[in-house]
Amino acid sequence: MPDREPVSAPLRRLGASLLTLGRIRLELLAIEVQEEKERIAQLVLWAVLAALLAGFAVLMLLVLAVVALWDHHPLLALGAASGVLLVAAGLAVRRLQALAKQPATLFQASLAELRADADTLQRREP
């Protein structure tokens, strides 16, 4: 008489497979959450940098206006400093806009994998 496996064995294997699949999906979800956190942190960093540089540029322009009433040489130095800060603020704003335009990818990979799993399971049905 051949060895027969118990009726519950296929159910156990199915349960183990489902648990493994669920664990993998949760790990993928955790990775996506971490990536989104890093993107948001970059967005905040560049926003703060842009605001600081723009504030310094405005301050330098105010000092420039005051010095414009004095001798000619301090005007050139303050004008150059203001120009550098304005260019830096402009670059920071451009980077911030580029980051803000990137679509959020939170859960996209998880959803794609779940769709693929569902498609695979549907193909196996008779």
N, C-alpha and C. Protein backbone atom coordinates (compact mmCIF):
# COMPACT_ATOMS: atom_id res chain seq x y z
N MET A 1 0.84 -1.17 0.00
CA MET A 1 0.00 0.00 0.00
C MET A 1 0.89 1.24 0.00
N PRO A 2 0.73 2.12 -0.98
CA PRO A 2 1.58 3.31 -1.06
C PRO A 2 1.27 4.27 0.09
N ASP A 3 2.35 5.01 0.42
CA ASP A 3 2.17 6.01 1.49
C ASP A 3 1.27 7.12 0.99
N ARG A 4 0.28 7.39 1.76
CA ARG A 4 -0.63 8.48 1.41
C ARG A 4 -0.39 9.61 2.39
N GLU A 5 -0.36 10.80 1.86
CA GLU A 5 -0.17 11.93 2.77
C GLU A 5 -1.53 12.31 3.35
N PRO A 6 -1.52 12.82 4.56
CA PRO A 6 -2.79 13.18 5.19
C PRO A 6 -3.50 14.26 4.39
N VAL A 7 -4.79 14.33 4.56
CA VAL A 7 -5.61 15.32 3.84
C VAL A 7 -5.20 16.74 4.21
N SER A 8 -4.73 16.92 5.43
CA SER A 8 -4.38 18.28 5.88
C SER A 8 -3.04 18.76 5.35
N ALA A 9 -2.22 17.89 4.78
CA ALA A 9 -0.89 18.29 4.30
C ALA A 9 -0.97 19.34 3.19
N PRO A 10 -1.82 19.16 2.17
CA PRO A 10 -1.90 20.20 1.15
C PRO A 10 -2.39 21.54 1.73
N LEU A 11 -3.30 21.45 2.70
CA LEU A 11 -3.77 22.68 3.32
C LEU A 11 -2.66 23.38 4.09
N ARG A 12 -1.81 22.58 4.77
CA ARG A 12 -0.68 23.17 5.48
C ARG A 12 0.30 23.83 4.51
N ARG A 13 0.57 23.15 3.40
CA ARG A 13 1.48 23.74 2.41
C ARG A 13 0.88 25.02 1.83
N LEU A 14 -0.41 25.01 1.56
CA LEU A 14 -1.08 26.21 1.06
C LEU A 14 -1.00 27.33 2.08
N GLY A 15 -1.24 27.01 3.33
CA GLY A 15 -1.15 28.02 4.39
C GLY A 15 0.25 28.58 4.51
N ALA A 16 1.25 27.70 4.45
CA ALA A 16 2.64 28.15 4.54
C ALA A 16 2.99 29.04 3.35
N SER A 17 2.51 28.65 2.17
CA SER A 17 2.77 29.47 0.97
C SER A 17 2.11 30.84 1.11
N LEU A 18 0.90 30.88 1.59
CA LEU A 18 0.21 32.15 1.76
C LEU A 18 0.91 33.03 2.80
N LEU A 19 1.38 32.42 3.88
CA LEU A 19 2.11 33.19 4.89
C LEU A 19 3.41 33.75 4.33
N THR A 20 4.11 32.95 3.56
CA THR A 20 5.36 33.41 2.95
C THR A 20 5.08 34.55 1.98
N LEU A 21 4.06 34.39 1.17
CA LEU A 21 3.68 35.43 0.22
C LEU A 21 3.30 36.71 0.95
N GLY A 22 2.54 36.58 2.02
CA GLY A 22 2.15 37.76 2.81
C GLY A 22 3.35 38.45 3.43
N ARG A 23 4.31 37.67 3.93
CA ARG A 23 5.51 38.24 4.54
C ARG A 23 6.32 39.02 3.50
N ILE A 24 6.46 38.44 2.32
CA ILE A 24 7.21 39.11 1.25
C ILE A 24 6.53 40.42 0.86
N ARG A 25 5.21 40.39 0.76
CA ARG A 25 4.48 41.61 0.40
C ARG A 25 4.62 42.68 1.48
N LEU A 26 4.61 42.28 2.74
CA LEU A 26 4.78 43.24 3.83
C LEU A 26 6.19 43.84 3.83
N GLU A 27 7.19 43.03 3.51
CA GLU A 27 8.55 43.55 3.41
C GLU A 27 8.65 44.56 2.28
N LEU A 28 8.03 44.29 1.16
CA LEU A 28 8.02 45.22 0.04
C LEU A 28 7.31 46.51 0.43
N LEU A 29 6.22 46.39 1.14
CA LEU A 29 5.48 47.56 1.61
C LEU A 29 6.35 48.41 2.54
N ALA A 30 7.10 47.78 3.42
CA ALA A 30 7.98 48.51 4.34
C ALA A 30 9.07 49.25 3.57
N ILE A 31 9.61 48.63 2.54
CA ILE A 31 10.63 49.29 1.73
C ILE A 31 10.04 50.52 1.04
N GLU A 32 8.83 50.40 0.52
CA GLU A 32 8.19 51.52 -0.16
C GLU A 32 7.92 52.67 0.80
N VAL A 33 7.50 52.36 2.01
CA VAL A 33 7.26 53.40 3.01
C VAL A 33 8.57 54.12 3.33
N GLN A 34 9.66 53.38 3.45
CA GLN A 34 10.96 53.99 3.73
C GLN A 34 11.38 54.91 2.59
N GLU A 35 11.20 54.49 1.34
CA GLU A 35 11.55 55.32 0.20
C GLU A 35 10.74 56.60 0.18
N GLU A 36 9.47 56.51 0.49
CA GLU A 36 8.62 57.70 0.51
C GLU A 36 9.05 58.65 1.63
N LYS A 37 9.44 58.10 2.77
CA LYS A 37 9.94 58.93 3.87
C LYS A 37 11.18 59.70 3.44
N GLU A 38 12.08 59.03 2.73
CA GLU A 38 13.31 59.68 2.27
C GLU A 38 13.00 60.77 1.24
N ARG A 39 12.03 60.54 0.37
CA ARG A 39 11.65 61.55 -0.62
C ARG A 39 11.08 62.79 0.05
N ILE A 40 10.24 62.57 1.06
CA ILE A 40 9.64 63.70 1.78
C ILE A 40 10.71 64.47 2.55
N ALA A 41 11.67 63.75 3.13
CA ALA A 41 12.76 64.42 3.84
C ALA A 41 13.57 65.30 2.89
N GLN A 42 13.84 64.81 1.69
CA GLN A 42 14.56 65.62 0.70
C GLN A 42 13.74 66.85 0.32
N LEU A 43 12.46 66.66 0.13
CA LEU A 43 11.58 67.77 -0.23
C LEU A 43 11.62 68.86 0.83
N VAL A 44 11.55 68.48 2.08
CA VAL A 44 11.60 69.44 3.18
C VAL A 44 12.96 70.13 3.24
N LEU A 45 14.03 69.35 3.09
CA LEU A 45 15.37 69.93 3.13
C LEU A 45 15.55 71.00 2.06
N TRP A 46 15.17 70.70 0.83
CA TRP A 46 15.33 71.67 -0.25
C TRP A 46 14.40 72.87 -0.08
N ALA A 47 13.24 72.68 0.49
CA ALA A 47 12.34 73.80 0.75
C ALA A 47 12.94 74.75 1.78
N VAL A 48 13.51 74.19 2.83
CA VAL A 48 14.15 75.02 3.86
C VAL A 48 15.35 75.75 3.28
N LEU A 49 16.16 75.05 2.50
CA LEU A 49 17.33 75.68 1.88
C LEU A 49 16.91 76.82 0.96
N ALA A 50 15.90 76.60 0.15
CA ALA A 50 15.42 77.64 -0.76
C ALA A 50 14.93 78.86 0.02
N ALA A 51 14.21 78.63 1.09
CA ALA A 51 13.70 79.74 1.89
C ALA A 51 14.84 80.51 2.56
N LEU A 52 15.82 79.79 3.08
CA LEU A 52 16.96 80.47 3.72
C LEU A 52 17.75 81.30 2.72
N LEU A 53 18.04 80.72 1.57
CA LEU A 53 18.81 81.46 0.56
C LEU A 53 18.05 82.66 0.04
N ALA A 54 16.76 82.51 -0.15
CA ALA A 54 15.96 83.66 -0.61
C ALA A 54 15.95 84.75 0.47
N GLY A 55 15.86 84.35 1.72
CA GLY A 55 15.90 85.33 2.81
C GLY A 55 17.23 86.06 2.87
N PHE A 56 18.33 85.32 2.72
CA PHE A 56 19.64 85.96 2.70
C PHE A 56 19.77 86.91 1.51
N ALA A 57 19.23 86.52 0.37
CA ALA A 57 19.31 87.36 -0.82
C ALA A 57 18.55 88.67 -0.61
N VAL A 58 17.39 88.59 -0.01
CA VAL A 58 16.63 89.80 0.27
C VAL A 58 17.39 90.69 1.25
N LEU A 59 17.97 90.08 2.27
CA LEU A 59 18.76 90.84 3.24
C LEU A 59 19.93 91.53 2.55
N MET A 60 20.61 90.82 1.69
CA MET A 60 21.75 91.42 0.97
C MET A 60 21.29 92.55 0.05
N LEU A 61 20.14 92.39 -0.56
CA LEU A 61 19.63 93.48 -1.40
C LEU A 61 19.30 94.71 -0.58
N LEU A 62 18.80 94.52 0.62
CA LEU A 62 18.53 95.66 1.49
C LEU A 62 19.83 96.36 1.89
N VAL A 63 20.82 95.57 2.24
CA VAL A 63 22.12 96.15 2.58
C VAL A 63 22.70 96.85 1.35
N LEU A 64 22.50 96.27 0.20
CA LEU A 64 22.97 96.87 -1.05
C LEU A 64 22.33 98.24 -1.27
N ALA A 65 21.07 98.33 -1.00
CA ALA A 65 20.39 99.62 -1.18
C ALA A 65 20.95 100.68 -0.23
N VAL A 66 21.28 100.28 0.97
CA VAL A 66 21.85 101.23 1.94
C VAL A 66 23.25 101.65 1.50
N VAL A 67 24.04 100.69 1.10
CA VAL A 67 25.42 100.98 0.72
C VAL A 67 25.48 101.77 -0.58
N ALA A 68 24.44 101.64 -1.40
CA ALA A 68 24.42 102.36 -2.68
C ALA A 68 24.56 103.87 -2.47
N LEU A 69 24.22 104.32 -1.30
CA LEU A 69 24.34 105.74 -1.01
C LEU A 69 25.76 106.12 -0.59
N TRP A 70 26.62 105.14 -0.33
CA TRP A 70 27.99 105.41 0.10
C TRP A 70 28.95 105.33 -1.08
N ASP A 71 30.20 104.98 -0.80
CA ASP A 71 31.23 104.88 -1.84
C ASP A 71 30.88 103.79 -2.84
N HIS A 72 31.61 103.75 -3.96
CA HIS A 72 31.28 102.83 -5.06
C HIS A 72 31.79 101.40 -4.88
N HIS A 73 32.86 101.15 -4.17
CA HIS A 73 33.43 99.80 -4.07
C HIS A 73 32.59 98.84 -3.21
N PRO A 74 32.06 99.23 -2.07
CA PRO A 74 31.22 98.28 -1.33
C PRO A 74 29.98 97.83 -2.12
N LEU A 75 29.52 98.69 -2.99
CA LEU A 75 28.37 98.37 -3.81
C LEU A 75 28.65 97.16 -4.71
N LEU A 76 29.82 97.14 -5.30
CA LEU A 76 30.18 96.02 -6.18
C LEU A 76 30.26 94.71 -5.39
N ALA A 77 30.85 94.73 -4.23
CA ALA A 77 30.98 93.52 -3.42
C ALA A 77 29.61 93.00 -2.97
N LEU A 78 28.77 93.89 -2.50
CA LEU A 78 27.45 93.46 -2.05
C LEU A 78 26.57 93.01 -3.22
N GLY A 79 26.72 93.65 -4.35
CA GLY A 79 25.97 93.24 -5.54
C GLY A 79 26.34 91.84 -5.99
N ALA A 80 27.63 91.55 -5.96
CA ALA A 80 28.09 90.21 -6.34
C ALA A 80 27.58 89.17 -5.34
N ALA A 81 27.66 89.49 -4.05
CA ALA A 81 27.18 88.55 -3.04
C ALA A 81 25.68 88.30 -3.19
N SER A 82 24.94 89.36 -3.45
CA SER A 82 23.50 89.21 -3.65
C SER A 82 23.21 88.36 -4.88
N GLY A 83 23.95 88.57 -5.93
CA GLY A 83 23.76 87.79 -7.15
C GLY A 83 24.03 86.31 -6.93
N VAL A 84 25.08 86.01 -6.21
CA VAL A 84 25.41 84.61 -5.92
C VAL A 84 24.30 83.97 -5.10
N LEU A 85 23.82 84.67 -4.08
CA LEU A 85 22.76 84.11 -3.26
C LEU A 85 21.46 83.94 -4.04
N LEU A 86 21.15 84.88 -4.92
CA LEU A 86 19.94 84.75 -5.74
C LEU A 86 20.04 83.56 -6.69
N VAL A 87 21.19 83.36 -7.28
CA VAL A 87 21.37 82.21 -8.17
C VAL A 87 21.24 80.91 -7.37
N ALA A 88 21.84 80.86 -6.18
CA ALA A 88 21.74 79.66 -5.35
C ALA A 88 20.29 79.40 -4.95
N ALA A 89 19.58 80.44 -4.60
CA ALA A 89 18.16 80.27 -4.23
C ALA A 89 17.37 79.78 -5.44
N GLY A 90 17.66 80.30 -6.62
CA GLY A 90 16.98 79.85 -7.82
C GLY A 90 17.23 78.38 -8.12
N LEU A 91 18.48 77.94 -7.95
CA LEU A 91 18.80 76.53 -8.15
C LEU A 91 18.08 75.65 -7.13
N ALA A 92 18.00 76.10 -5.89
CA ALA A 92 17.31 75.33 -4.86
C ALA A 92 15.82 75.23 -5.18
N VAL A 93 15.24 76.31 -5.67
CA VAL A 93 13.82 76.29 -6.03
C VAL A 93 13.58 75.34 -7.19
N ARG A 94 14.46 75.35 -8.18
CA ARG A 94 14.31 74.44 -9.31
C ARG A 94 14.39 72.98 -8.86
N ARG A 95 15.32 72.69 -7.95
CA ARG A 95 15.44 71.32 -7.43
C ARG A 95 14.19 70.94 -6.65
N LEU A 96 13.68 71.86 -5.87
CA LEU A 96 12.46 71.63 -5.10
C LEU A 96 11.28 71.35 -6.03
N GLN A 97 11.16 72.12 -7.09
CA GLN A 97 10.07 71.90 -8.04
C GLN A 97 10.20 70.54 -8.72
N ALA A 98 11.43 70.15 -9.06
CA ALA A 98 11.63 68.85 -9.70
C ALA A 98 11.23 67.72 -8.75
N LEU A 99 11.58 67.84 -7.48
CA LEU A 99 11.20 66.82 -6.51
C LEU A 99 9.69 66.78 -6.30
N ALA A 100 9.07 67.94 -6.28
CA ALA A 100 7.63 68.00 -6.05
C ALA A 100 6.84 67.43 -7.23
N LYS A 101 7.40 67.51 -8.44
CA LYS A 101 6.71 67.00 -9.62
C LYS A 101 6.81 65.49 -9.77
N GLN A 102 7.76 64.87 -9.06
CA GLN A 102 7.88 63.43 -9.15
C GLN A 102 6.64 62.78 -8.56
N PRO A 103 6.06 61.84 -9.27
CA PRO A 103 4.85 61.20 -8.73
C PRO A 103 5.19 60.35 -7.51
N ALA A 104 4.26 60.35 -6.60
CA ALA A 104 4.43 59.51 -5.41
C ALA A 104 4.35 58.04 -5.84
N THR A 105 5.28 57.25 -5.37
CA THR A 105 5.32 55.85 -5.77
C THR A 105 4.97 54.92 -4.62
N LEU A 106 4.36 55.48 -3.59
CA LEU A 106 4.04 54.68 -2.42
C LEU A 106 3.08 53.56 -2.79
N PHE A 107 3.45 52.36 -2.47
CA PHE A 107 2.67 51.13 -2.67
C PHE A 107 2.52 50.71 -4.13
N GLN A 108 3.16 51.37 -5.07
CA GLN A 108 3.02 51.00 -6.48
C GLN A 108 3.58 49.60 -6.75
N ALA A 109 4.75 49.31 -6.22
CA ALA A 109 5.35 47.99 -6.45
C ALA A 109 4.53 46.89 -5.76
N SER A 110 4.04 47.19 -4.56
CA SER A 110 3.22 46.20 -3.85
C SER A 110 1.94 45.91 -4.63
N LEU A 111 1.30 46.95 -5.12
CA LEU A 111 0.06 46.76 -5.88
C LEU A 111 0.32 45.98 -7.16
N ALA A 112 1.43 46.26 -7.82
CA ALA A 112 1.76 45.53 -9.05
C ALA A 112 2.00 44.06 -8.76
N GLU A 113 2.69 43.77 -7.67
CA GLU A 113 2.95 42.37 -7.31
C GLU A 113 1.66 41.66 -6.93
N LEU A 114 0.78 42.33 -6.22
CA LEU A 114 -0.50 41.71 -5.86
C LEU A 114 -1.34 41.43 -7.10
N ARG A 115 -1.30 42.35 -8.08
CA ARG A 115 -2.02 42.11 -9.33
C ARG A 115 -1.45 40.90 -10.07
N ALA A 116 -0.11 40.81 -10.08
CA ALA A 116 0.54 39.67 -10.74
C ALA A 116 0.17 38.37 -10.03
N ASP A 117 0.13 38.40 -8.71
CA ASP A 117 -0.28 37.20 -7.96
C ASP A 117 -1.71 36.80 -8.30
N ALA A 118 -2.60 37.78 -8.36
CA ALA A 118 -4.00 37.49 -8.67
C ALA A 118 -4.12 36.92 -10.08
N ASP A 119 -3.37 37.49 -11.03
CA ASP A 119 -3.40 36.97 -12.40
C ASP A 119 -2.90 35.54 -12.46
N THR A 120 -1.84 35.24 -11.73
CA THR A 120 -1.29 33.88 -11.71
C THR A 120 -2.29 32.90 -11.12
N LEU A 121 -2.93 33.29 -10.03
CA LEU A 121 -3.91 32.39 -9.41
C LEU A 121 -5.12 32.18 -10.30
N GLN A 122 -5.54 33.21 -11.04
CA GLN A 122 -6.70 33.07 -11.91
C GLN A 122 -6.37 32.17 -13.10
N ARG A 123 -5.14 32.21 -13.58
CA ARG A 123 -4.76 31.35 -14.71
C ARG A 123 -4.74 29.89 -14.33
N ARG A 124 -4.54 29.57 -13.07
CA ARG A 124 -4.46 28.18 -12.64
C ARG A 124 -5.83 27.55 -12.45
N GLU A 125 -6.86 28.35 -12.40
CA GLU A 125 -8.19 27.78 -12.21
C GLU A 125 -8.62 27.05 -13.47
N PRO A 126 -9.36 25.93 -13.34
CA PRO A 126 -9.78 25.16 -14.51
C PRO A 126 -10.85 25.87 -15.31
